[in-house]
């Protein structure tokens, strides 16, 4: 997936926040506790946040459960009013079907873009079903994830399902660095691969 025009999505997010007159409900897809640490602390004053832990790409299952446990630990440690976790089914077979034929793609290529799409599509569907005003993702905090692609996917899903997409590039303002510092502060497990076994093999 190629995006022609590069957009500063951090500036777009700043404009969204400036226009807020209340704290809308945000369903925030989280890939893991460490990445969500900075994002939650950044957004907590502007949104009522529910974390959606939906990561069917993460293998093996024991790794998935370990990361989920760390996500729950972080939420408990932060002790932010109204911050909750919405945990849904693992659905690893759905992920495998979704990326079929792209198993050998280079890391950051079409397999990853399909993975983004699968997770964001689930997020927007859950958001619509439960009357969230916004949906978003923590994935843009990572320097290894393409914020242009992620925001393009989010925008398309927003148009289709009529839920507002929270544009972001959380790696800006030293977001990734701050997520590392917060992970150390809360003693969070930091994984050494993205999640799918294909990413582990390609290292």
N, C-alpha and C. Protein backbone atom coordinates (compact mmCIF):
# COMPACT_ATOMS: atom_id res chain seq x y z
N UNK A 1 0.85 -1.19 0.00
CA UNK A 1 0.00 0.00 0.00
C UNK A 1 0.88 1.24 0.00
N UNK A 2 0.73 2.07 -1.00
CA UNK A 2 1.54 3.27 -1.13
C UNK A 2 0.71 4.52 -0.86
N UNK A 3 1.23 5.43 -0.06
CA UNK A 3 0.58 6.70 0.22
C UNK A 3 1.40 7.79 -0.47
N UNK A 4 0.76 8.60 -1.30
CA UNK A 4 1.49 9.58 -2.11
C UNK A 4 1.90 10.81 -1.27
N UNK A 5 0.96 11.38 -0.53
CA UNK A 5 1.23 12.62 0.19
C UNK A 5 1.52 12.33 1.66
N UNK A 6 2.64 12.84 2.16
CA UNK A 6 2.99 12.61 3.56
C UNK A 6 2.34 13.67 4.43
N UNK A 7 1.64 13.24 5.46
CA UNK A 7 0.89 14.14 6.33
C UNK A 7 1.50 14.10 7.73
N UNK A 8 1.55 15.25 8.40
CA UNK A 8 2.01 15.30 9.79
C UNK A 8 0.80 15.00 10.69
N UNK A 9 0.63 13.74 11.02
CA UNK A 9 -0.56 13.32 11.77
C UNK A 9 -0.50 13.73 13.23
N UNK A 10 0.68 14.06 13.72
CA UNK A 10 0.77 14.59 15.08
C UNK A 10 0.10 15.97 15.14
N UNK A 11 0.31 16.77 14.12
CA UNK A 11 -0.34 18.09 14.05
C UNK A 11 -1.86 17.94 13.88
N UNK A 12 -2.28 16.94 13.12
CA UNK A 12 -3.71 16.68 12.94
C UNK A 12 -4.34 16.33 14.29
N UNK A 13 -3.66 15.49 15.06
CA UNK A 13 -4.15 15.12 16.40
C UNK A 13 -4.26 16.35 17.30
N UNK A 14 -3.25 17.22 17.25
CA UNK A 14 -3.28 18.43 18.07
C UNK A 14 -4.51 19.28 17.74
N UNK A 15 -4.86 19.36 16.47
CA UNK A 15 -6.02 20.14 16.05
C UNK A 15 -7.33 19.50 16.56
N UNK A 16 -7.38 18.17 16.51
CA UNK A 16 -8.57 17.46 17.03
C UNK A 16 -8.74 17.77 18.51
N UNK A 17 -7.65 17.68 19.27
CA UNK A 17 -7.70 17.90 20.71
C UNK A 17 -8.12 19.33 21.03
N UNK A 18 -7.59 20.29 20.28
CA UNK A 18 -7.92 21.71 20.51
C UNK A 18 -9.42 21.98 20.38
N UNK A 19 -10.08 21.23 19.51
CA UNK A 19 -11.49 21.48 19.22
C UNK A 19 -12.44 20.73 20.17
N UNK A 20 -11.89 19.87 21.01
CA UNK A 20 -12.74 19.10 21.92
C UNK A 20 -13.34 20.01 22.99
N UNK A 21 -14.63 19.84 23.23
CA UNK A 21 -15.31 20.62 24.26
C UNK A 21 -15.69 19.75 25.46
N UNK A 22 -15.44 18.46 25.35
CA UNK A 22 -15.71 17.50 26.43
C UNK A 22 -14.80 16.30 26.19
N UNK A 23 -14.91 15.29 27.05
CA UNK A 23 -14.09 14.09 26.89
C UNK A 23 -14.91 13.00 26.20
N UNK A 24 -14.72 12.84 24.89
CA UNK A 24 -15.47 11.79 24.18
C UNK A 24 -14.94 10.40 24.50
N UNK A 25 -15.78 9.41 24.24
CA UNK A 25 -15.39 8.01 24.46
C UNK A 25 -14.49 7.55 23.30
N UNK A 26 -13.34 7.02 23.66
CA UNK A 26 -12.36 6.53 22.68
C UNK A 26 -12.10 5.04 22.90
N UNK A 27 -12.26 4.25 21.84
CA UNK A 27 -11.85 2.85 21.88
C UNK A 27 -10.46 2.80 21.25
N UNK A 28 -9.47 2.53 22.08
CA UNK A 28 -8.08 2.57 21.66
C UNK A 28 -7.52 1.17 21.53
N UNK A 29 -7.26 0.76 20.30
CA UNK A 29 -6.60 -0.53 20.08
C UNK A 29 -5.18 -0.45 20.62
N UNK A 30 -4.81 -1.44 21.41
CA UNK A 30 -3.45 -1.49 21.94
C UNK A 30 -2.76 -2.77 21.54
N UNK A 31 -1.55 -2.63 21.04
CA UNK A 31 -0.76 -3.81 20.65
C UNK A 31 -0.10 -4.44 21.86
N UNK A 32 0.19 -3.61 22.89
CA UNK A 32 0.87 -4.14 24.08
C UNK A 32 0.92 -3.06 25.16
N UNK A 33 1.26 -3.46 26.36
CA UNK A 33 1.38 -2.53 27.46
C UNK A 33 2.42 -1.44 27.25
N UNK A 34 3.66 -1.82 26.88
CA UNK A 34 4.70 -0.80 26.70
C UNK A 34 4.32 0.29 25.70
N UNK A 35 3.79 -0.08 24.55
CA UNK A 35 3.41 0.93 23.55
C UNK A 35 2.26 1.79 24.04
N UNK A 36 1.34 1.19 24.79
CA UNK A 36 0.17 1.95 25.25
C UNK A 36 0.51 2.89 26.40
N UNK A 37 1.61 2.66 27.09
CA UNK A 37 1.92 3.44 28.29
C UNK A 37 1.97 4.94 28.01
N UNK A 38 2.75 5.32 27.01
CA UNK A 38 2.85 6.74 26.67
C UNK A 38 1.53 7.25 26.08
N UNK A 39 0.93 6.47 25.21
CA UNK A 39 -0.29 6.91 24.51
C UNK A 39 -1.41 7.19 25.51
N UNK A 40 -1.58 6.31 26.47
CA UNK A 40 -2.63 6.51 27.48
C UNK A 40 -2.36 7.77 28.30
N UNK A 41 -1.12 7.95 28.73
CA UNK A 41 -0.80 9.13 29.55
C UNK A 41 -0.95 10.42 28.74
N UNK A 42 -0.72 10.34 27.44
CA UNK A 42 -0.88 11.51 26.57
C UNK A 42 -2.36 11.87 26.38
N UNK A 43 -3.20 10.86 26.23
CA UNK A 43 -4.60 11.09 25.87
C UNK A 43 -5.56 11.17 27.05
N UNK A 44 -5.12 10.78 28.22
CA UNK A 44 -6.04 10.60 29.36
C UNK A 44 -6.81 11.86 29.76
N UNK A 45 -6.25 13.02 29.51
CA UNK A 45 -6.93 14.26 29.88
C UNK A 45 -7.95 14.73 28.84
N UNK A 46 -7.96 14.07 27.71
CA UNK A 46 -8.81 14.51 26.59
C UNK A 46 -9.92 13.52 26.23
N UNK A 47 -9.74 12.24 26.60
CA UNK A 47 -10.69 11.20 26.22
C UNK A 47 -10.97 10.27 27.39
N UNK A 48 -12.18 9.70 27.41
CA UNK A 48 -12.47 8.55 28.26
C UNK A 48 -12.07 7.32 27.47
N UNK A 49 -11.03 6.65 27.92
CA UNK A 49 -10.38 5.61 27.12
C UNK A 49 -10.77 4.20 27.57
N UNK A 50 -11.14 3.39 26.59
CA UNK A 50 -11.24 1.95 26.78
C UNK A 50 -10.18 1.32 25.89
N UNK A 51 -9.37 0.45 26.48
CA UNK A 51 -8.33 -0.25 25.73
C UNK A 51 -8.93 -1.52 25.12
N UNK A 52 -8.74 -1.68 23.82
CA UNK A 52 -9.13 -2.92 23.14
C UNK A 52 -7.87 -3.73 22.89
N UNK A 53 -7.75 -4.85 23.58
CA UNK A 53 -6.60 -5.72 23.36
C UNK A 53 -7.02 -6.77 22.32
N UNK A 54 -6.69 -6.49 21.06
CA UNK A 54 -7.03 -7.40 19.98
C UNK A 54 -5.80 -7.58 19.09
N UNK A 55 -5.12 -8.69 19.27
CA UNK A 55 -3.86 -8.93 18.56
C UNK A 55 -3.73 -10.40 18.15
N UNK A 56 -4.55 -10.81 17.16
CA UNK A 56 -4.56 -12.21 16.74
C UNK A 56 -3.28 -12.63 16.02
N UNK A 57 -2.45 -11.65 15.69
CA UNK A 57 -1.18 -11.93 15.03
C UNK A 57 -0.12 -12.48 15.98
N UNK A 58 -0.30 -12.25 17.28
CA UNK A 58 0.75 -12.61 18.23
C UNK A 58 0.79 -14.11 18.45
N UNK A 59 1.96 -14.68 18.22
CA UNK A 59 2.19 -16.11 18.42
C UNK A 59 3.51 -16.32 19.15
N UNK A 60 3.61 -17.43 19.89
CA UNK A 60 2.58 -18.42 20.19
C UNK A 60 1.55 -17.88 21.19
N UNK A 61 0.56 -18.67 21.50
CA UNK A 61 -0.52 -18.24 22.40
C UNK A 61 0.03 -17.80 23.76
N UNK A 62 1.06 -18.48 24.23
CA UNK A 62 1.65 -18.11 25.52
C UNK A 62 2.20 -16.69 25.50
N UNK A 63 2.75 -16.28 24.36
CA UNK A 63 3.27 -14.91 24.21
C UNK A 63 2.11 -13.91 24.22
N UNK A 64 1.03 -14.28 23.54
CA UNK A 64 -0.17 -13.44 23.51
C UNK A 64 -0.69 -13.20 24.93
N UNK A 65 -0.78 -14.27 25.71
CA UNK A 65 -1.29 -14.17 27.08
C UNK A 65 -0.34 -13.36 27.96
N UNK A 66 0.96 -13.51 27.73
CA UNK A 66 1.95 -12.76 28.52
C UNK A 66 1.80 -11.27 28.27
N UNK A 67 1.63 -10.90 27.01
CA UNK A 67 1.48 -9.48 26.67
C UNK A 67 0.16 -8.92 27.21
N UNK A 68 -0.88 -9.73 27.15
CA UNK A 68 -2.18 -9.29 27.68
C UNK A 68 -2.08 -9.05 29.19
N UNK A 69 -1.37 -9.93 29.87
CA UNK A 69 -1.19 -9.80 31.32
C UNK A 69 -0.48 -8.48 31.65
N UNK A 70 0.51 -8.13 30.85
CA UNK A 70 1.24 -6.88 31.07
C UNK A 70 0.35 -5.67 30.79
N UNK A 71 -0.53 -5.79 29.80
CA UNK A 71 -1.48 -4.71 29.51
C UNK A 71 -2.40 -4.47 30.71
N UNK A 72 -2.92 -5.53 31.28
CA UNK A 72 -3.79 -5.44 32.45
C UNK A 72 -3.03 -4.85 33.64
N UNK A 73 -1.80 -5.30 33.80
CA UNK A 73 -0.95 -4.78 34.89
C UNK A 73 -0.78 -3.28 34.77
N UNK A 74 -0.50 -2.80 33.56
CA UNK A 74 -0.31 -1.36 33.35
C UNK A 74 -1.56 -0.57 33.69
N UNK A 75 -2.71 -1.04 33.21
CA UNK A 75 -3.97 -0.34 33.48
C UNK A 75 -4.21 -0.23 34.99
N UNK A 76 -3.93 -1.30 35.70
CA UNK A 76 -4.11 -1.29 37.16
C UNK A 76 -3.13 -0.32 37.83
N UNK A 77 -1.90 -0.29 37.31
CA UNK A 77 -0.87 0.59 37.88
C UNK A 77 -1.19 2.05 37.63
N UNK A 78 -1.70 2.37 36.46
CA UNK A 78 -1.98 3.77 36.11
C UNK A 78 -3.12 4.36 36.94
N UNK A 79 -4.10 3.50 37.25
CA UNK A 79 -5.21 3.92 38.13
C UNK A 79 -5.88 5.22 37.64
N UNK A 80 -6.22 5.23 36.36
CA UNK A 80 -6.87 6.39 35.74
C UNK A 80 -8.38 6.16 35.77
N UNK A 81 -9.16 7.15 36.21
CA UNK A 81 -10.62 6.99 36.25
C UNK A 81 -11.18 6.63 34.87
N UNK A 82 -12.07 5.66 34.84
CA UNK A 82 -12.78 5.21 33.62
C UNK A 82 -11.90 4.45 32.63
N UNK A 83 -10.62 4.28 32.91
CA UNK A 83 -9.76 3.50 32.02
C UNK A 83 -10.02 2.02 32.24
N UNK A 84 -10.51 1.35 31.20
CA UNK A 84 -10.84 -0.06 31.31
C UNK A 84 -10.26 -0.84 30.14
N UNK A 85 -10.31 -2.15 30.25
CA UNK A 85 -9.83 -3.04 29.19
C UNK A 85 -10.99 -3.83 28.62
N UNK A 86 -11.05 -3.89 27.30
CA UNK A 86 -12.01 -4.75 26.62
C UNK A 86 -11.21 -5.86 25.94
N UNK A 87 -11.35 -7.04 26.45
CA UNK A 87 -10.59 -8.19 25.93
C UNK A 87 -11.52 -9.05 25.08
N UNK A 88 -11.10 -9.38 23.88
CA UNK A 88 -11.92 -10.21 23.01
C UNK A 88 -11.13 -11.42 22.54
N UNK A 89 -11.78 -12.28 21.76
CA UNK A 89 -11.20 -13.55 21.39
C UNK A 89 -9.89 -13.40 20.63
N UNK A 90 -9.05 -14.40 20.76
CA UNK A 90 -7.70 -14.43 20.17
C UNK A 90 -7.75 -14.39 18.64
N UNK A 91 -8.51 -15.27 18.00
CA UNK A 91 -8.76 -15.30 16.55
C UNK A 91 -7.49 -15.40 15.70
N UNK A 92 -6.55 -16.22 16.14
CA UNK A 92 -5.32 -16.40 15.39
C UNK A 92 -5.54 -17.03 14.02
N UNK A 93 -6.51 -17.94 13.93
CA UNK A 93 -6.80 -18.57 12.63
C UNK A 93 -7.32 -17.54 11.63
N UNK A 94 -8.11 -16.59 12.10
CA UNK A 94 -8.60 -15.51 11.23
C UNK A 94 -7.43 -14.70 10.69
N UNK A 95 -6.48 -14.40 11.56
CA UNK A 95 -5.29 -13.67 11.13
C UNK A 95 -4.52 -14.45 10.07
N UNK A 96 -4.34 -15.74 10.31
CA UNK A 96 -3.60 -16.59 9.36
C UNK A 96 -4.29 -16.59 8.00
N UNK A 97 -5.60 -16.66 8.00
CA UNK A 97 -6.36 -16.63 6.73
C UNK A 97 -6.23 -15.27 6.05
N UNK A 98 -6.25 -14.22 6.85
CA UNK A 98 -6.25 -12.85 6.33
C UNK A 98 -4.95 -12.52 5.60
N UNK A 99 -3.83 -13.06 6.09
CA UNK A 99 -2.54 -12.72 5.48
C UNK A 99 -2.03 -13.83 4.56
N UNK A 100 -2.89 -14.79 4.28
CA UNK A 100 -2.49 -15.94 3.46
C UNK A 100 -1.91 -15.48 2.12
N UNK A 101 -0.77 -16.06 1.77
CA UNK A 101 -0.08 -15.68 0.54
C UNK A 101 0.96 -14.59 0.75
N UNK A 102 0.94 -14.00 1.94
CA UNK A 102 1.90 -12.92 2.24
C UNK A 102 2.86 -13.31 3.37
N UNK A 103 2.89 -14.59 3.69
CA UNK A 103 3.73 -15.04 4.80
C UNK A 103 5.20 -14.66 4.61
N UNK A 104 5.65 -14.66 3.36
CA UNK A 104 7.06 -14.40 3.08
C UNK A 104 7.39 -12.95 2.78
N UNK A 105 6.40 -12.06 2.92
CA UNK A 105 6.64 -10.64 2.65
C UNK A 105 7.71 -10.09 3.59
N UNK A 106 8.42 -9.08 3.12
CA UNK A 106 9.38 -8.40 3.98
C UNK A 106 8.67 -7.72 5.13
N UNK A 107 9.35 -7.64 6.26
CA UNK A 107 8.79 -6.96 7.43
C UNK A 107 8.49 -5.50 7.06
N UNK A 108 7.29 -5.04 7.40
CA UNK A 108 6.86 -3.69 7.06
C UNK A 108 6.12 -3.62 5.74
N UNK A 109 6.01 -4.75 5.04
CA UNK A 109 5.35 -4.79 3.74
C UNK A 109 3.87 -5.10 3.83
N UNK A 110 3.34 -5.72 2.76
CA UNK A 110 1.89 -5.93 2.67
C UNK A 110 1.32 -6.83 3.76
N UNK A 111 2.09 -7.80 4.23
CA UNK A 111 1.60 -8.65 5.32
C UNK A 111 1.29 -7.79 6.54
N UNK A 112 2.18 -6.86 6.85
CA UNK A 112 1.97 -5.97 8.00
C UNK A 112 0.77 -5.05 7.77
N UNK A 113 0.62 -4.57 6.54
CA UNK A 113 -0.50 -3.68 6.24
C UNK A 113 -1.84 -4.41 6.40
N UNK A 114 -1.87 -5.67 5.99
CA UNK A 114 -3.09 -6.48 6.18
C UNK A 114 -3.37 -6.70 7.66
N UNK A 115 -2.31 -6.89 8.42
CA UNK A 115 -2.43 -7.08 9.87
C UNK A 115 -2.99 -5.82 10.52
N UNK A 116 -2.48 -4.65 10.11
CA UNK A 116 -3.03 -3.40 10.61
C UNK A 116 -4.53 -3.33 10.31
N UNK A 117 -4.86 -3.63 9.07
CA UNK A 117 -6.24 -3.52 8.61
C UNK A 117 -7.17 -4.43 9.41
N UNK A 118 -6.74 -5.65 9.64
CA UNK A 118 -7.55 -6.61 10.40
C UNK A 118 -7.83 -6.10 11.80
N UNK A 119 -6.82 -5.61 12.47
CA UNK A 119 -6.98 -5.15 13.85
C UNK A 119 -7.79 -3.85 13.94
N UNK A 120 -7.57 -2.96 13.00
CA UNK A 120 -8.33 -1.71 13.02
C UNK A 120 -9.78 -1.92 12.61
N UNK A 121 -10.01 -2.87 11.72
CA UNK A 121 -11.39 -3.17 11.33
C UNK A 121 -12.16 -3.72 12.53
N UNK A 122 -11.55 -4.61 13.28
CA UNK A 122 -12.21 -5.12 14.49
C UNK A 122 -12.48 -3.97 15.46
N UNK A 123 -11.52 -3.06 15.59
CA UNK A 123 -11.67 -1.94 16.52
C UNK A 123 -12.84 -1.06 16.14
N UNK A 124 -12.95 -0.71 14.86
CA UNK A 124 -14.04 0.18 14.45
C UNK A 124 -15.40 -0.51 14.57
N UNK A 125 -15.45 -1.80 14.32
CA UNK A 125 -16.71 -2.53 14.46
C UNK A 125 -17.17 -2.59 15.91
N UNK A 126 -16.22 -2.84 16.82
CA UNK A 126 -16.56 -2.87 18.25
C UNK A 126 -16.94 -1.46 18.71
N UNK A 127 -16.23 -0.45 18.20
CA UNK A 127 -16.55 0.93 18.56
C UNK A 127 -17.95 1.31 18.12
N UNK A 128 -18.30 0.94 16.91
CA UNK A 128 -19.64 1.26 16.38
C UNK A 128 -20.72 0.55 17.18
N UNK A 129 -20.49 -0.71 17.47
CA UNK A 129 -21.48 -1.52 18.20
C UNK A 129 -21.72 -0.98 19.61
N UNK A 130 -20.66 -0.37 20.20
CA UNK A 130 -20.76 0.08 21.60
C UNK A 130 -20.80 1.61 21.74
N UNK A 131 -21.10 2.28 20.64
CA UNK A 131 -21.34 3.73 20.65
C UNK A 131 -20.15 4.56 21.12
N UNK A 132 -18.95 4.17 20.69
CA UNK A 132 -17.78 5.01 20.92
C UNK A 132 -17.74 6.08 19.83
N UNK A 133 -17.34 7.28 20.23
CA UNK A 133 -17.28 8.37 19.25
C UNK A 133 -16.02 8.29 18.38
N UNK A 134 -14.92 7.82 19.00
CA UNK A 134 -13.64 7.71 18.30
C UNK A 134 -13.07 6.30 18.43
N UNK A 135 -12.26 5.92 17.44
CA UNK A 135 -11.41 4.74 17.57
C UNK A 135 -10.01 5.12 17.11
N UNK A 136 -9.02 4.43 17.67
CA UNK A 136 -7.62 4.73 17.33
C UNK A 136 -6.73 3.56 17.68
N UNK A 137 -5.43 3.77 17.56
CA UNK A 137 -4.48 2.69 17.85
C UNK A 137 -3.19 3.24 18.44
N UNK A 138 -2.55 2.43 19.24
CA UNK A 138 -1.24 2.77 19.80
C UNK A 138 -0.10 2.46 18.83
N UNK A 139 -0.40 1.79 17.74
CA UNK A 139 0.65 1.29 16.85
C UNK A 139 1.56 2.39 16.30
N UNK A 140 1.04 3.63 16.19
CA UNK A 140 1.87 4.69 15.59
C UNK A 140 2.98 5.18 16.52
N UNK A 141 3.03 4.68 17.75
CA UNK A 141 4.12 5.07 18.64
C UNK A 141 5.43 4.39 18.25
N UNK A 142 5.34 3.31 17.53
CA UNK A 142 6.53 2.53 17.17
C UNK A 142 7.24 3.10 15.95
N UNK A 143 8.56 3.25 16.01
CA UNK A 143 9.31 3.70 14.83
C UNK A 143 9.33 2.65 13.73
N UNK A 144 8.90 1.44 14.04
CA UNK A 144 8.88 0.35 13.06
C UNK A 144 7.54 0.23 12.33
N UNK A 145 6.57 1.08 12.73
CA UNK A 145 5.25 1.04 12.10
C UNK A 145 5.03 2.31 11.29
N UNK A 146 4.44 2.16 10.11
CA UNK A 146 4.25 3.26 9.19
C UNK A 146 2.97 4.04 9.54
N UNK A 147 3.15 5.22 10.11
CA UNK A 147 1.99 6.02 10.53
C UNK A 147 1.16 6.48 9.35
N UNK A 148 1.78 6.70 8.21
CA UNK A 148 1.03 7.12 7.02
C UNK A 148 0.05 6.03 6.61
N UNK A 149 0.53 4.79 6.57
CA UNK A 149 -0.31 3.64 6.20
C UNK A 149 -1.42 3.43 7.23
N UNK A 150 -1.05 3.46 8.50
CA UNK A 150 -2.02 3.23 9.57
C UNK A 150 -3.15 4.26 9.54
N UNK A 151 -2.80 5.52 9.36
CA UNK A 151 -3.82 6.57 9.32
C UNK A 151 -4.67 6.49 8.06
N UNK A 152 -4.08 6.06 6.97
CA UNK A 152 -4.83 5.87 5.73
C UNK A 152 -5.89 4.78 5.92
N UNK A 153 -5.49 3.68 6.54
CA UNK A 153 -6.43 2.58 6.81
C UNK A 153 -7.52 3.04 7.77
N UNK A 154 -7.12 3.72 8.84
CA UNK A 154 -8.09 4.22 9.82
C UNK A 154 -9.09 5.17 9.20
N UNK A 155 -8.61 6.05 8.33
CA UNK A 155 -9.49 7.01 7.67
C UNK A 155 -10.52 6.30 6.78
N UNK A 156 -10.08 5.31 6.01
CA UNK A 156 -10.99 4.57 5.14
C UNK A 156 -12.06 3.84 5.95
N UNK A 157 -11.65 3.23 7.06
CA UNK A 157 -12.61 2.53 7.92
C UNK A 157 -13.58 3.50 8.57
N UNK A 158 -13.09 4.67 8.94
CA UNK A 158 -13.93 5.71 9.53
C UNK A 158 -15.02 6.13 8.56
N UNK A 159 -14.64 6.32 7.32
CA UNK A 159 -15.61 6.72 6.30
C UNK A 159 -16.66 5.63 6.07
N UNK A 160 -16.21 4.39 6.11
CA UNK A 160 -17.12 3.27 5.84
C UNK A 160 -18.09 3.03 6.99
N UNK A 161 -17.60 3.09 8.22
CA UNK A 161 -18.41 2.71 9.37
C UNK A 161 -18.93 3.90 10.19
N UNK A 162 -18.58 5.10 9.79
CA UNK A 162 -19.11 6.32 10.42
C UNK A 162 -18.77 6.42 11.90
N UNK A 163 -17.52 6.10 12.23
CA UNK A 163 -16.97 6.34 13.56
C UNK A 163 -15.72 7.20 13.35
N UNK A 164 -15.53 8.21 14.18
CA UNK A 164 -14.39 9.10 13.99
C UNK A 164 -13.06 8.40 14.25
N UNK A 165 -12.13 8.59 13.35
CA UNK A 165 -10.79 8.04 13.49
C UNK A 165 -9.90 9.05 14.21
N UNK A 166 -9.17 8.61 15.22
CA UNK A 166 -8.24 9.48 15.93
C UNK A 166 -6.88 9.41 15.22
N UNK A 167 -6.63 10.39 14.38
CA UNK A 167 -5.36 10.47 13.67
C UNK A 167 -4.23 10.61 14.68
N UNK A 168 -3.09 10.01 14.37
CA UNK A 168 -1.98 10.09 15.32
C UNK A 168 -0.65 9.73 14.66
N UNK A 169 0.39 10.22 15.29
CA UNK A 169 1.75 9.72 15.06
C UNK A 169 2.44 9.86 16.41
N UNK A 170 2.15 8.91 17.29
CA UNK A 170 2.56 9.04 18.68
C UNK A 170 4.07 8.95 18.89
N UNK A 171 4.81 8.56 17.87
CA UNK A 171 6.27 8.53 18.02
C UNK A 171 6.85 9.94 18.06
N UNK A 172 6.08 10.93 17.57
CA UNK A 172 6.50 12.33 17.65
C UNK A 172 6.57 12.76 19.12
N UNK A 173 7.24 13.88 19.36
CA UNK A 173 7.43 14.40 20.73
C UNK A 173 8.12 13.37 21.62
N UNK A 174 9.02 12.59 21.03
CA UNK A 174 9.76 11.54 21.76
C UNK A 174 8.83 10.50 22.38
N UNK A 175 7.71 10.24 21.72
CA UNK A 175 6.74 9.30 22.26
C UNK A 175 7.30 7.91 22.48
N UNK A 176 8.08 7.43 21.52
CA UNK A 176 8.66 6.08 21.67
C UNK A 176 9.64 6.04 22.84
N UNK A 177 10.47 7.07 22.92
CA UNK A 177 11.44 7.15 24.03
C UNK A 177 10.72 7.18 25.37
N UNK A 178 9.64 7.96 25.44
CA UNK A 178 8.88 8.05 26.68
C UNK A 178 8.20 6.73 27.02
N UNK A 179 7.79 5.98 25.99
CA UNK A 179 7.18 4.67 26.25
C UNK A 179 8.20 3.70 26.87
N UNK A 180 9.45 3.81 26.45
CA UNK A 180 10.52 2.99 27.03
C UNK A 180 10.74 3.37 28.49
N UNK A 181 10.77 4.67 28.74
CA UNK A 181 10.97 5.14 30.12
C UNK A 181 9.82 4.70 31.04
N UNK A 182 8.58 4.79 30.54
CA UNK A 182 7.43 4.37 31.34
C UNK A 182 7.42 2.86 31.56
N UNK A 183 7.87 2.12 30.55
CA UNK A 183 7.95 0.66 30.69
C UNK A 183 8.92 0.27 31.81
N UNK A 184 10.00 1.02 31.90
CA UNK A 184 10.97 0.77 32.98
C UNK A 184 10.37 1.16 34.32
N UNK A 185 9.67 2.29 34.35
CA UNK A 185 9.06 2.76 35.59
C UNK A 185 8.06 1.76 36.13
N UNK A 186 7.26 1.14 35.24
CA UNK A 186 6.24 0.19 35.67
C UNK A 186 6.70 -1.26 35.55
N UNK A 187 7.97 -1.43 35.23
CA UNK A 187 8.57 -2.77 35.15
C UNK A 187 7.79 -3.69 34.21
N UNK A 188 7.54 -3.20 32.99
CA UNK A 188 6.78 -3.96 32.00
C UNK A 188 7.69 -4.83 31.14
N UNK A 189 7.20 -5.97 30.80
CA UNK A 189 7.89 -6.86 29.86
C UNK A 189 7.87 -6.23 28.47
N UNK A 190 9.05 -6.06 27.89
CA UNK A 190 9.17 -5.52 26.53
C UNK A 190 9.59 -6.64 25.59
N UNK A 191 8.70 -7.01 24.69
CA UNK A 191 8.96 -8.11 23.76
C UNK A 191 10.06 -7.74 22.77
N UNK A 192 10.70 -8.76 22.20
CA UNK A 192 11.80 -8.51 21.27
C UNK A 192 11.43 -8.79 19.81
N UNK A 193 10.13 -8.96 19.54
CA UNK A 193 9.66 -9.07 18.15
C UNK A 193 8.23 -8.56 18.10
N UNK A 194 7.79 -8.16 16.89
CA UNK A 194 6.50 -7.50 16.73
C UNK A 194 5.35 -8.34 17.27
N UNK A 195 5.29 -9.59 16.88
CA UNK A 195 4.20 -10.42 17.35
C UNK A 195 4.03 -11.70 16.55
N UNK A 196 3.95 -11.58 15.22
CA UNK A 196 3.75 -12.78 14.41
C UNK A 196 5.07 -13.54 14.28
N UNK A 197 4.98 -14.82 14.08
CA UNK A 197 6.18 -15.64 13.94
C UNK A 197 6.96 -15.30 12.70
N UNK A 198 6.27 -14.75 11.68
CA UNK A 198 6.96 -14.37 10.45
C UNK A 198 7.93 -13.21 10.72
N UNK A 199 7.53 -12.29 11.61
CA UNK A 199 8.41 -11.18 11.95
C UNK A 199 9.61 -11.68 12.74
N UNK A 200 9.41 -12.70 13.55
CA UNK A 200 10.50 -13.28 14.34
C UNK A 200 11.50 -13.98 13.42
N UNK A 201 10.97 -14.69 12.43
CA UNK A 201 11.83 -15.42 11.48
C UNK A 201 12.65 -14.45 10.63
N UNK A 202 12.04 -13.29 10.28
CA UNK A 202 12.70 -12.36 9.35
C UNK A 202 13.81 -11.54 10.00
N UNK A 203 13.93 -11.63 11.33
CA UNK A 203 14.97 -10.86 12.01
C UNK A 203 16.36 -11.43 11.73
